[in-house]
PDB file of N, CA and C in Angstrom:
ATOM      1  N   UNK A   1     -35.288 -52.271  16.375  1.00  0.00           N
ATOM      2  CA  UNK A   1     -35.049 -53.436  17.363  1.00  0.00           C
ATOM      3  C   UNK A   1     -34.626 -52.870  18.713  1.00  0.00           C
ATOM      4  N   UNK A   2     -33.897 -51.576  18.695  1.00  0.00           N
ATOM      5  CA  UNK A   2     -33.504 -51.116  19.866  1.00  0.00           C
ATOM      6  C   UNK A   2     -34.648 -50.762  20.822  1.00  0.00           C
ATOM      7  N   UNK A   3     -35.764 -50.446  20.214  1.00  0.00           N
ATOM      8  CA  UNK A   3     -36.923 -49.861  21.074  1.00  0.00           C
ATOM      9  C   UNK A   3     -37.623 -51.219  21.693  1.00  0.00           C
ATOM     10  N   UNK A   4     -37.524 -52.293  20.913  1.00  0.00           N
ATOM     11  CA  UNK A   4     -37.977 -53.563  21.676  1.00  0.00           C
ATOM     12  C   UNK A   4     -37.131 -53.866  22.811  1.00  0.00           C
ATOM     13  N   UNK A   5     -35.810 -53.848  22.600  1.00  0.00           N
ATOM     14  CA  UNK A   5     -34.974 -54.214  23.644  1.00  0.00           C
ATOM     15  C   UNK A   5     -35.073 -53.218  24.833  1.00  0.00           C
ATOM     16  N   UNK A   6     -35.316 -52.021  24.501  1.00  0.00           N
ATOM     17  CA  UNK A   6     -35.340 -51.091  25.687  1.00  0.00           C
ATOM     18  C   UNK A   6     -36.795 -51.230  26.573  1.00  0.00           C
ATOM     19  N   UNK A   7     -37.782 -51.592  25.762  1.00  0.00           N
ATOM     20  CA  UNK A   7     -38.998 -51.842  26.274  1.00  0.00           C
ATOM     21  C   UNK A   7     -39.025 -53.279  27.024  1.00  0.00           C
ATOM     22  N   UNK A   8     -38.304 -54.182  26.617  1.00  0.00           N
ATOM     23  CA  UNK A   8     -38.016 -55.435  27.153  1.00  0.00           C
ATOM     24  C   UNK A   8     -37.339 -55.348  28.556  1.00  0.00           C
ATOM     25  N   UNK A   9     -36.264 -54.539  28.457  1.00  0.00           N
ATOM     26  CA  UNK A   9     -35.540 -54.308  29.757  1.00  0.00           C
ATOM     27  C   UNK A   9     -36.348 -53.533  30.765  1.00  0.00           C
ATOM     28  N   UNK A  10     -37.234 -52.591  30.382  1.00  0.00           N
ATOM     29  CA  UNK A  10     -38.164 -51.966  31.388  1.00  0.00           C
ATOM     30  C   UNK A  10     -39.191 -53.079  31.839  1.00  0.00           C
ATOM     31  N   UNK A  11     -39.627 -53.858  31.021  1.00  0.00           N
ATOM     32  CA  UNK A  11     -40.624 -55.004  31.390  1.00  0.00           C
ATOM     33  C   UNK A  11     -39.954 -55.915  32.412  1.00  0.00           C
ATOM     34  N   UNK A  12     -38.827 -56.303  32.044  1.00  0.00           N
ATOM     35  CA  UNK A  12     -37.992 -57.251  33.120  1.00  0.00           C
ATOM     36  C   UNK A  12     -37.760 -56.616  34.539  1.00  0.00           C
ATOM     37  N   UNK A  13     -37.340 -55.246  34.507  1.00  0.00           N
ATOM     38  CA  UNK A  13     -37.241 -54.508  35.705  1.00  0.00           C
ATOM     39  C   UNK A  13     -38.517 -54.414  36.445  1.00  0.00           C
ATOM     40  N   UNK A  14     -39.555 -54.171  35.801  1.00  0.00           N
ATOM     41  CA  UNK A  14     -40.877 -54.187  36.289  1.00  0.00           C
ATOM     42  C   UNK A  14     -41.375 -55.418  36.889  1.00  0.00           C
ATOM     43  N   UNK A  15     -41.099 -56.435  36.351  1.00  0.00           N
ATOM     44  CA  UNK A  15     -41.407 -57.808  36.939  1.00  0.00           C
ATOM     45  C   UNK A  15     -40.516 -58.063  38.024  1.00  0.00           C
ATOM     46  N   UNK A  16     -39.273 -57.825  38.008  1.00  0.00           N
ATOM     47  CA  UNK A  16     -38.325 -58.049  39.039  1.00  0.00           C
ATOM     48  C   UNK A  16     -38.664 -57.228  40.351  1.00  0.00           C
ATOM     49  N   UNK A  17     -39.043 -55.958  40.101  1.00  0.00           N
ATOM     50  CA  UNK A  17     -39.547 -55.136  41.141  1.00  0.00           C
ATOM     51  C   UNK A  17     -40.807 -55.728  41.940  1.00  0.00           C
ATOM     52  N   UNK A  18     -41.704 -56.216  41.101  1.00  0.00           N
ATOM     53  CA  UNK A  18     -42.788 -56.769  41.645  1.00  0.00           C
ATOM     54  C   UNK A  18     -42.491 -58.094  42.504  1.00  0.00           C
ATOM     55  N   UNK A  19     -41.594 -58.882  41.946  1.00  0.00           N
ATOM     56  CA  UNK A  19     -41.086 -60.097  42.693  1.00  0.00           C
ATOM     57  C   UNK A  19     -40.368 -59.689  43.735  1.00  0.00           C
ATOM     58  N   UNK A  20     -39.641 -58.619  43.925  1.00  0.00           N
ATOM     59  CA  UNK A  20     -38.965 -58.190  45.093  1.00  0.00           C
ATOM     60  C   UNK A  20     -39.941 -57.746  46.176  1.00  0.00           C
ATOM     61  N   UNK A  21     -40.976 -57.171  45.843  1.00  0.00           N
ATOM     62  CA  UNK A  21     -42.031 -56.842  46.898  1.00  0.00           C
ATOM     63  C   UNK A  21     -42.671 -57.906  47.389  1.00  0.00           C
ATOM     64  N   UNK A  22     -42.881 -59.105  46.563  1.00  0.00           N
ATOM     65  CA  UNK A  22     -43.696 -60.252  47.126  1.00  0.00           C
ATOM     66  C   UNK A  22     -42.761 -61.152  47.702  1.00  0.00           C
ATOM     67  N   UNK A  23     -41.681 -61.537  47.108  1.00  0.00           N
ATOM     68  CA  UNK A  23     -40.824 -62.742  47.641  1.00  0.00           C
ATOM     69  C   UNK A  23     -39.389 -62.178  48.233  1.00  0.00           C
ATOM     70  N   UNK A  24     -39.030 -60.938  47.912  1.00  0.00           N
ATOM     71  CA  UNK A  24     -37.723 -60.545  48.451  1.00  0.00           C
ATOM     72  C   UNK A  24     -36.643 -60.228  47.254  1.00  0.00           C
ATOM     73  N   UNK A  25     -35.664 -59.575  47.742  1.00  0.00           N
ATOM     74  CA  UNK A  25     -34.652 -59.153  46.698  1.00  0.00           C
ATOM     75  C   UNK A  25     -33.928 -60.388  46.026  1.00  0.00           C
ATOM     76  N   UNK A  26     -33.552 -61.305  46.892  1.00  0.00           N
ATOM     77  CA  UNK A  26     -32.796 -62.390  46.322  1.00  0.00           C
ATOM     78  C   UNK A  26     -33.589 -63.066  45.126  1.00  0.00           C
ATOM     79  N   UNK A  27     -34.880 -63.324  45.457  1.00  0.00           N
ATOM     80  CA  UNK A  27     -35.688 -63.928  44.453  1.00  0.00           C
ATOM     81  C   UNK A  27     -35.784 -63.017  43.099  1.00  0.00           C
ATOM     82  N   UNK A  28     -35.829 -61.700  43.267  1.00  0.00           N
ATOM     83  CA  UNK A  28     -35.989 -60.795  42.261  1.00  0.00           C
ATOM     84  C   UNK A  28     -34.736 -60.765  41.402  1.00  0.00           C
ATOM     85  N   UNK A  29     -33.563 -60.863  42.041  1.00  0.00           N
ATOM     86  CA  UNK A  29     -32.321 -60.842  41.358  1.00  0.00           C
ATOM     87  C   UNK A  29     -32.157 -62.175  40.605  1.00  0.00           C
ATOM     88  N   UNK A  30     -32.544 -63.260  41.190  1.00  0.00           N
ATOM     89  CA  UNK A  30     -32.423 -64.623  40.399  1.00  0.00           C
ATOM     90  C   UNK A  30     -33.438 -64.700  39.300  1.00  0.00           C
ATOM     91  N   UNK A  31     -34.589 -63.964  39.459  1.00  0.00           N
ATOM     92  CA  UNK A  31     -35.503 -63.872  38.459  1.00  0.00           C
ATOM     93  C   UNK A  31     -35.047 -63.175  37.237  1.00  0.00           C
ATOM     94  N   UNK A  32     -34.469 -61.985  37.598  1.00  0.00           N
ATOM     95  CA  UNK A  32     -33.966 -61.105  36.575  1.00  0.00           C
ATOM     96  C   UNK A  32     -32.880 -61.841  35.753  1.00  0.00           C
ATOM     97  N   UNK A  33     -31.960 -62.500  36.479  1.00  0.00           N
ATOM     98  CA  UNK A  33     -31.039 -63.305  35.677  1.00  0.00           C
ATOM     99  C   UNK A  33     -31.632 -64.380  34.757  1.00  0.00           C
ATOM    100  N   UNK A  34     -32.580 -65.013  35.463  1.00  0.00           N
ATOM    101  CA  UNK A  34     -33.257 -66.077  34.457  1.00  0.00           C
ATOM    102  C   UNK A  34     -33.980 -65.529  33.309  1.00  0.00           C
ATOM    103  N   UNK A  35     -34.567 -64.315  33.502  1.00  0.00           N
ATOM    104  CA  UNK A  35     -35.346 -63.776  32.356  1.00  0.00           C
ATOM    105  C   UNK A  35     -34.262 -63.194  31.323  1.00  0.00           C
ATOM    106  N   UNK A  36     -33.076 -62.730  31.644  1.00  0.00           N
ATOM    107  CA  UNK A  36     -32.109 -62.315  30.806  1.00  0.00           C
ATOM    108  C   UNK A  36     -31.569 -63.647  29.943  1.00  0.00           C
ATOM    109  N   UNK A  37     -31.386 -64.778  30.589  1.00  0.00           N
ATOM    110  CA  UNK A  37     -30.991 -66.031  30.036  1.00  0.00           C
ATOM    111  C   UNK A  37     -32.068 -66.433  29.007  1.00  0.00           C
ATOM    112  N   UNK A  38     -33.258 -66.463  29.538  1.00  0.00           N
ATOM    113  CA  UNK A  38     -34.526 -66.736  28.562  1.00  0.00           C
ATOM    114  C   UNK A  38     -34.510 -65.848  27.448  1.00  0.00           C
ATOM    115  N   UNK A  39     -34.327 -64.682  27.535  1.00  0.00           N
ATOM    116  CA  UNK A  39     -34.405 -63.503  26.459  1.00  0.00           C
ATOM    117  C   UNK A  39     -33.393 -63.916  25.476  1.00  0.00           C
ATOM    118  N   UNK A  40     -32.161 -64.201  25.951  1.00  0.00           N
ATOM    119  CA  UNK A  40     -31.057 -64.556  24.891  1.00  0.00           C
ATOM    120  C   UNK A  40     -31.425 -65.922  24.179  1.00  0.00           C
ATOM    121  N   UNK A  41     -31.916 -66.801  24.848  1.00  0.00           N
ATOM    122  CA  UNK A  41     -32.291 -68.143  24.168  1.00  0.00           C
ATOM    123  C   UNK A  41     -33.447 -67.864  23.266  1.00  0.00           C
ATOM    124  N   UNK A  42     -34.445 -67.158  23.755  1.00  0.00           N
ATOM    125  CA  UNK A  42     -35.549 -66.787  22.635  1.00  0.00           C
ATOM    126  C   UNK A  42     -34.966 -66.016  21.514  1.00  0.00           C
ATOM    127  N   UNK A  43     -34.123 -65.143  21.701  1.00  0.00           N
ATOM    128  CA  UNK A  43     -33.668 -64.216  20.681  1.00  0.00           C
ATOM    129  C   UNK A  43     -32.896 -65.102  19.496  1.00  0.00           C
ATOM    130  N   UNK A  44     -32.002 -65.922  20.070  1.00  0.00           N
ATOM    131  CA  UNK A  44     -31.208 -66.672  19.061  1.00  0.00           C
ATOM    132  C   UNK A  44     -32.007 -67.776  18.359  1.00  0.00           C
ATOM    133  N   UNK A  45     -32.993 -68.436  19.093  1.00  0.00           N
ATOM    134  CA  UNK A  45     -33.819 -69.381  18.520  1.00  0.00           C
ATOM    135  C   UNK A  45     -34.810 -68.842  17.502  1.00  0.00           C
ATOM    136  N   UNK A  46     -35.400 -67.610  17.754  1.00  0.00           N
ATOM    137  CA  UNK A  46     -36.288 -67.182  16.881  1.00  0.00           C
ATOM    138  C   UNK A  46     -35.623 -66.470  15.709  1.00  0.00           C
ATOM    139  N   UNK A  47     -34.383 -65.974  15.991  1.00  0.00           N
ATOM    140  CA  UNK A  47     -33.658 -65.514  14.729  1.00  0.00           C
ATOM    141  C   UNK A  47     -33.326 -66.472  13.847  1.00  0.00           C
ATOM    142  N   UNK A  48     -32.989 -67.768  14.412  1.00  0.00           N
ATOM    143  CA  UNK A  48     -32.714 -68.830  13.549  1.00  0.00           C
ATOM    144  C   UNK A  48     -33.817 -69.430  12.823  1.00  0.00           C
ATOM    145  N   UNK A  49     -35.016 -69.519  13.572  1.00  0.00           N
ATOM    146  CA  UNK A  49     -36.280 -70.186  12.900  1.00  0.00           C
ATOM    147  C   UNK A  49     -36.896 -69.113  11.820  1.00  0.00           C
ATOM    148  N   UNK A  50     -36.799 -67.751  12.128  1.00  0.00           N
ATOM    149  CA  UNK A  50     -37.406 -66.978  11.270  1.00  0.00           C
ATOM    150  C   UNK A  50     -36.550 -66.413  10.164  1.00  0.00           C
ATOM    151  N   UNK A  51     -35.244 -66.871  10.118  1.00  0.00           N
ATOM    152  CA  UNK A  51     -34.277 -66.414   9.081  1.00  0.00           C
ATOM    153  C   UNK A  51     -34.025 -65.016   9.239  1.00  0.00           C
ATOM    154  N   UNK A  52     -33.746 -64.540  10.404  1.00  0.00           N
ATOM    155  CA  UNK A  52     -33.374 -63.077  10.821  1.00  0.00           C
ATOM    156  C   UNK A  52     -34.568 -62.187  10.724  1.00  0.00           C
ATOM    157  N   UNK A  53     -35.853 -62.345  10.937  1.00  0.00           N
ATOM    158  CA  UNK A  53     -36.956 -61.486  10.965  1.00  0.00           C
ATOM    159  C   UNK A  53     -36.957 -60.928  12.325  1.00  0.00           C
ATOM    160  N   UNK A  54     -36.432 -59.601  12.402  1.00  0.00           N
ATOM    161  CA  UNK A  54     -36.222 -58.909  13.689  1.00  0.00           C
ATOM    162  C   UNK A  54     -37.658 -58.498  14.324  1.00  0.00           C
ATOM    163  N   UNK A  55     -38.632 -58.239  13.535  1.00  0.00           N
ATOM    164  CA  UNK A  55     -39.966 -57.773  14.010  1.00  0.00           C
ATOM    165  C   UNK A  55     -40.458 -58.908  14.860  1.00  0.00           C
ATOM    166  N   UNK A  56     -40.674 -60.188  14.142  1.00  0.00           N
ATOM    167  CA  UNK A  56     -41.148 -61.243  14.914  1.00  0.00           C
ATOM    168  C   UNK A  56     -40.290 -61.842  16.068  1.00  0.00           C
ATOM    169  N   UNK A  57     -38.963 -61.646  15.883  1.00  0.00           N
ATOM    170  CA  UNK A  57     -38.078 -62.027  17.125  1.00  0.00           C
ATOM    171  C   UNK A  57     -38.324 -60.997  18.217  1.00  0.00           C
ATOM    172  N   UNK A  58     -38.571 -59.815  18.003  1.00  0.00           N
ATOM    173  CA  UNK A  58     -38.784 -58.746  19.054  1.00  0.00           C
ATOM    174  C   UNK A  58     -40.031 -59.034  19.767  1.00  0.00           C
ATOM    175  N   UNK A  59     -41.176 -59.443  19.078  1.00  0.00           N
ATOM    176  CA  UNK A  59     -42.321 -59.795  19.668  1.00  0.00           C
ATOM    177  C   UNK A  59     -42.288 -60.997  20.535  1.00  0.00           C
ATOM    178  N   UNK A  60     -41.432 -62.026  19.965  1.00  0.00           N
ATOM    179  CA  UNK A  60     -41.268 -63.219  20.887  1.00  0.00           C
ATOM    180  C   UNK A  60     -40.501 -62.929  22.224  1.00  0.00           C
ATOM    181  N   UNK A  61     -39.720 -61.832  22.221  1.00  0.00           N
ATOM    182  CA  UNK A  61     -38.969 -61.604  23.276  1.00  0.00           C
ATOM    183  C   UNK A  61     -39.642 -61.342  24.562  1.00  0.00           C
ATOM    184  N   UNK A  62     -40.946 -60.880  24.441  1.00  0.00           N
ATOM    185  CA  UNK A  62     -41.760 -60.476  25.393  1.00  0.00           C
ATOM    186  C   UNK A  62     -42.418 -61.636  26.205  1.00  0.00           C
ATOM    187  N   UNK A  63     -42.055 -62.816  25.652  1.00  0.00           N
ATOM    188  CA  UNK A  63     -42.414 -64.028  26.472  1.00  0.00           C
ATOM    189  C   UNK A  63     -41.454 -64.122  27.735  1.00  0.00           C
ATOM    190  N   UNK A  64     -40.407 -63.570  27.553  1.00  0.00           N
ATOM    191  CA  UNK A  64     -39.466 -63.692  28.624  1.00  0.00           C
ATOM    192  C   UNK A  64     -39.907 -63.239  30.068  1.00  0.00           C
ATOM    193  N   UNK A  65     -40.342 -62.013  30.103  1.00  0.00           N
ATOM    194  CA  UNK A  65     -40.826 -61.506  31.459  1.00  0.00           C
ATOM    195  C   UNK A  65     -42.010 -62.312  31.928  1.00  0.00           C
ATOM    196  N   UNK A  66     -42.921 -62.630  31.029  1.00  0.00           N
ATOM    197  CA  UNK A  66     -44.231 -63.354  31.407  1.00  0.00           C
ATOM    198  C   UNK A  66     -43.754 -64.751  31.894  1.00  0.00           C
ATOM    199  N   UNK A  67     -42.787 -65.502  31.309  1.00  0.00           N
ATOM    200  CA  UNK A  67     -42.459 -66.746  31.800  1.00  0.00           C
ATOM    201  C   UNK A  67     -41.628 -66.640  32.948  1.00  0.00           C
ATOM    202  N   UNK A  68     -40.878 -65.631  33.213  1.00  0.00           N
ATOM    203  CA  UNK A  68     -39.977 -65.360  34.490  1.00  0.00           C
ATOM    204  C   UNK A  68     -41.023 -65.217  35.602  1.00  0.00           C
ATOM    205  N   UNK A  69     -41.953 -64.468  35.299  1.00  0.00           N
ATOM    206  CA  UNK A  69     -42.985 -64.196  36.490  1.00  0.00           C
ATOM    207  C   UNK A  69     -43.728 -65.397  36.804  1.00  0.00           C
ATOM    208  N   UNK A  70     -44.076 -66.246  35.846  1.00  0.00           N
ATOM    209  CA  UNK A  70     -44.767 -67.553  36.173  1.00  0.00           C
ATOM    210  C   UNK A  70     -43.840 -68.613  36.917  1.00  0.00           C
ATOM    211  N   UNK A  71     -42.634 -68.636  36.347  1.00  0.00           N
ATOM    212  CA  UNK A  71     -41.744 -69.573  36.997  1.00  0.00           C
ATOM    213  C   UNK A  71     -41.371 -69.230  38.406  1.00  0.00           C
ATOM    214  N   UNK A  72     -41.234 -67.934  38.666  1.00  0.00           N
ATOM    215  CA  UNK A  72     -40.854 -67.414  40.028  1.00  0.00           C
ATOM    216  C   UNK A  72     -41.977 -67.736  40.894  1.00  0.00           C
ATOM    217  N   UNK A  73     -43.088 -67.492  40.636  1.00  0.00           N
ATOM    218  CA  UNK A  73     -44.305 -67.836  41.550  1.00  0.00           C
ATOM    219  C   UNK A  73     -44.378 -69.231  41.774  1.00  0.00           C
ATOM    220  N   UNK A  74     -44.283 -70.136  40.673  1.00  0.00           N
ATOM    221  CA  UNK A  74     -44.344 -71.503  40.819  1.00  0.00           C
ATOM    222  C   UNK A  74     -43.451 -72.001  41.843  1.00  0.00           C
ATOM    223  N   UNK A  75     -42.076 -71.556  41.669  1.00  0.00           N
ATOM    224  CA  UNK A  75     -41.053 -72.052  42.572  1.00  0.00           C
ATOM    225  C   UNK A  75     -41.225 -71.445  43.927  1.00  0.00           C
ATOM    226  N   UNK A  76     -41.652 -70.169  44.106  1.00  0.00           N
ATOM    227  CA  UNK A  76     -41.600 -69.353  45.298  1.00  0.00           C
ATOM    228  C   UNK A  76     -42.959 -69.697  46.158  1.00  0.00           C
ATOM    229  N   UNK A  77     -43.883 -70.183  45.500  1.00  0.00           N
ATOM    230  CA  UNK A  77     -45.129 -70.433  46.124  1.00  0.00           C
ATOM    231  C   UNK A  77     -45.121 -71.361  47.360  1.00  0.00           C
ATOM    232  N   UNK A  78     -44.171 -72.364  47.342  1.00  0.00           N
ATOM    233  CA  UNK A  78     -44.050 -73.158  48.542  1.00  0.00           C
ATOM    234  C   UNK A  78     -43.251 -72.678  49.521  1.00  0.00           C
ATOM    235  N   UNK A  79     -42.650 -71.505  49.364  1.00  0.00           N
ATOM    236  CA  UNK A  79     -41.726 -70.910  50.404  1.00  0.00           C
ATOM    237  C   UNK A  79     -42.640 -70.031  51.467  1.00  0.00           C
ATOM    238  N   UNK A  80     -43.829 -69.581  51.032  1.00  0.00           N
ATOM    239  CA  UNK A  80     -44.705 -68.786  51.768  1.00  0.00           C
ATOM    240  C   UNK A  80     -45.696 -69.515  52.420  1.00  0.00           C
TER     241      UNK A  80
END
């Protein structure tokens, strides 16, 4: 599970870096915080639904960077 979390953190930082280049650092920081909150919610929900299956929970955690990127661009699209 530690490798899933490490790769998830790298993915979140990569998405935040991309958002920083496109929309600015304030957007990147808020997107990173949103992705962390989303990852925690996904973790606890899938651990509850799968009765503690860490492999499936780790795979579902990768929805967080993808959702964070989509949400940030939907919100930030009107600003540019």
